[in-house]
Amino acid sequence: MGFGSYDESEQQHQTQDTEDDEDAAVNVHEHEYEGSISVETGGSTDDLLGQLQDIKENNADDE
């Protein structure tokens, strides 16, 4: 057999089992959540960026 060729007998004897595929369906509503989420950072963007810079500098010093 060359590149890209296949055994036609294998192709003819294939069957598709659709019952297993139906059981494996994803239920997108299985883990629904009703509520609200709020996040309070407690700092300004400049403060948070400063903290991030400090973390990066400390990690660079450790390496």
C-alpha atoms as a PDB file:
ATOM      1  CA  MET A   1       0.000   0.000   0.000  1.00  0.00           C
ATOM      2  CA  GLY A   2       1.229   3.434  -0.817  1.00  0.00           C
ATOM      3  CA  PHE A   3       0.766   6.682   0.972  1.00  0.00           C
ATOM      4  CA  GLY A   4      -2.911   7.621   1.271  1.00  0.00           C
ATOM      5  CA  SER A   5      -4.233   4.227   0.241  1.00  0.00           C
ATOM      6  CA  TYR A   6      -6.493   2.123   2.418  1.00  0.00           C
ATOM      7  CA  ASP A   7      -8.053  -1.301   2.545  1.00  0.00           C
ATOM      8  CA  GLU A   8     -11.536  -0.930   1.052  1.00  0.00           C
ATOM      9  CA  SER A   9     -12.790  -4.021   2.871  1.00  0.00           C
ATOM     10  CA  GLU A  10     -12.185  -2.273   6.192  1.00  0.00           C
ATOM     11  CA  GLN A  11     -14.234   0.700   5.044  1.00  0.00           C
ATOM     12  CA  GLN A  12     -17.144  -1.493   3.949  1.00  0.00           C
ATOM     13  CA  HIS A  13     -17.434  -3.341   7.266  1.00  0.00           C
ATOM     14  CA  GLN A  14     -17.497  -0.319   9.520  1.00  0.00           C
ATOM     15  CA  THR A  15     -20.691   0.348  11.436  1.00  0.00           C
ATOM     16  CA  GLN A  16     -21.547   3.424  13.376  1.00  0.00           C
ATOM     17  CA  ASP A  17     -22.875   2.943  16.866  1.00  0.00           C
ATOM     18  CA  THR A  18     -25.025   6.020  17.391  1.00  0.00           C
ATOM     19  CA  GLU A  19     -26.519   4.837  20.685  1.00  0.00           C
ATOM     20  CA  ASP A  20     -23.235   5.347  22.550  1.00  0.00           C
ATOM     21  CA  ASP A  21     -22.833   8.815  21.040  1.00  0.00           C
ATOM     22  CA  GLU A  22     -26.278   9.853  22.239  1.00  0.00           C
ATOM     23  CA  ASP A  23     -25.500   8.731  25.813  1.00  0.00           C
ATOM     24  CA  ALA A  24     -22.273  10.751  25.796  1.00  0.00           C
ATOM     25  CA  ALA A  25     -24.038  14.050  25.077  1.00  0.00           C
ATOM     26  CA  VAL A  26     -23.116  16.988  27.276  1.00  0.00           C
ATOM     27  CA  ASN A  27     -25.824  18.458  29.460  1.00  0.00           C
ATOM     28  CA  VAL A  28     -25.035  22.169  29.604  1.00  0.00           C
ATOM     29  CA  HIS A  29     -27.673  22.753  32.278  1.00  0.00           C
ATOM     30  CA  GLU A  30     -26.327  20.156  34.716  1.00  0.00           C
ATOM     31  CA  HIS A  31     -24.442  22.632  36.930  1.00  0.00           C
ATOM     32  CA  GLU A  32     -26.438  25.827  36.625  1.00  0.00           C
ATOM     33  CA  TYR A  33     -25.953  28.509  39.250  1.00  0.00           C
ATOM     34  CA  GLU A  34     -28.421  31.194  40.114  1.00  0.00           C
ATOM     35  CA  GLY A  35     -26.981  34.044  42.128  1.00  0.00           C
ATOM     36  CA  SER A  36     -24.628  36.939  41.925  1.00  0.00           C
ATOM     37  CA  ILE A  37     -20.912  37.451  42.282  1.00  0.00           C
ATOM     38  CA  SER A  38     -19.176  40.623  43.316  1.00  0.00           C
ATOM     39  CA  VAL A  39     -15.489  41.364  43.641  1.00  0.00           C
ATOM     40  CA  GLU A  40     -14.049  44.139  45.740  1.00  0.00           C
ATOM     41  CA  THR A  41     -10.351  44.678  45.174  1.00  0.00           C
ATOM     42  CA  GLY A  42      -9.851  47.259  47.880  1.00  0.00           C
ATOM     43  CA  GLY A  43      -7.146  49.008  45.891  1.00  0.00           C
ATOM     44  CA  SER A  44      -6.746  51.249  42.922  1.00  0.00           C
ATOM     45  CA  THR A  45      -5.346  50.034  39.626  1.00  0.00           C
ATOM     46  CA  ASP A  46      -2.063  51.825  40.344  1.00  0.00           C
ATOM     47  CA  ASP A  47      -1.772  50.085  43.731  1.00  0.00           C
ATOM     48  CA  LEU A  48      -2.416  46.691  42.192  1.00  0.00           C
ATOM     49  CA  LEU A  49       0.085  47.277  39.384  1.00  0.00           C
ATOM     50  CA  GLY A  50       2.653  48.315  41.983  1.00  0.00           C
ATOM     51  CA  GLN A  51       2.081  45.089  43.902  1.00  0.00           C
ATOM     52  CA  LEU A  52       2.438  43.097  40.692  1.00  0.00           C
ATOM     53  CA  GLN A  53       5.731  44.835  39.918  1.00  0.00           C
ATOM     54  CA  ASP A  54       6.993  44.043  43.438  1.00  0.00           C
ATOM     55  CA  ILE A  55       6.086  40.365  42.973  1.00  0.00           C
ATOM     56  CA  LYS A  56       7.872  40.225  39.625  1.00  0.00           C
ATOM     57  CA  GLU A  57      10.983  41.863  41.097  1.00  0.00           C
ATOM     58  CA  ASN A  58      11.006  39.427  44.030  1.00  0.00           C
ATOM     59  CA  ASN A  59      10.669  36.448  41.677  1.00  0.00           C
ATOM     60  CA  ALA A  60      13.508  37.763  39.505  1.00  0.00           C
ATOM     61  CA  ASP A  61      15.727  38.122  42.598  1.00  0.00           C
ATOM     62  CA  ASP A  62      14.970  34.532  43.656  1.00  0.00           C
ATOM     63  CA  GLU A  63      16.103  33.087  40.319  1.00  0.00           C
END
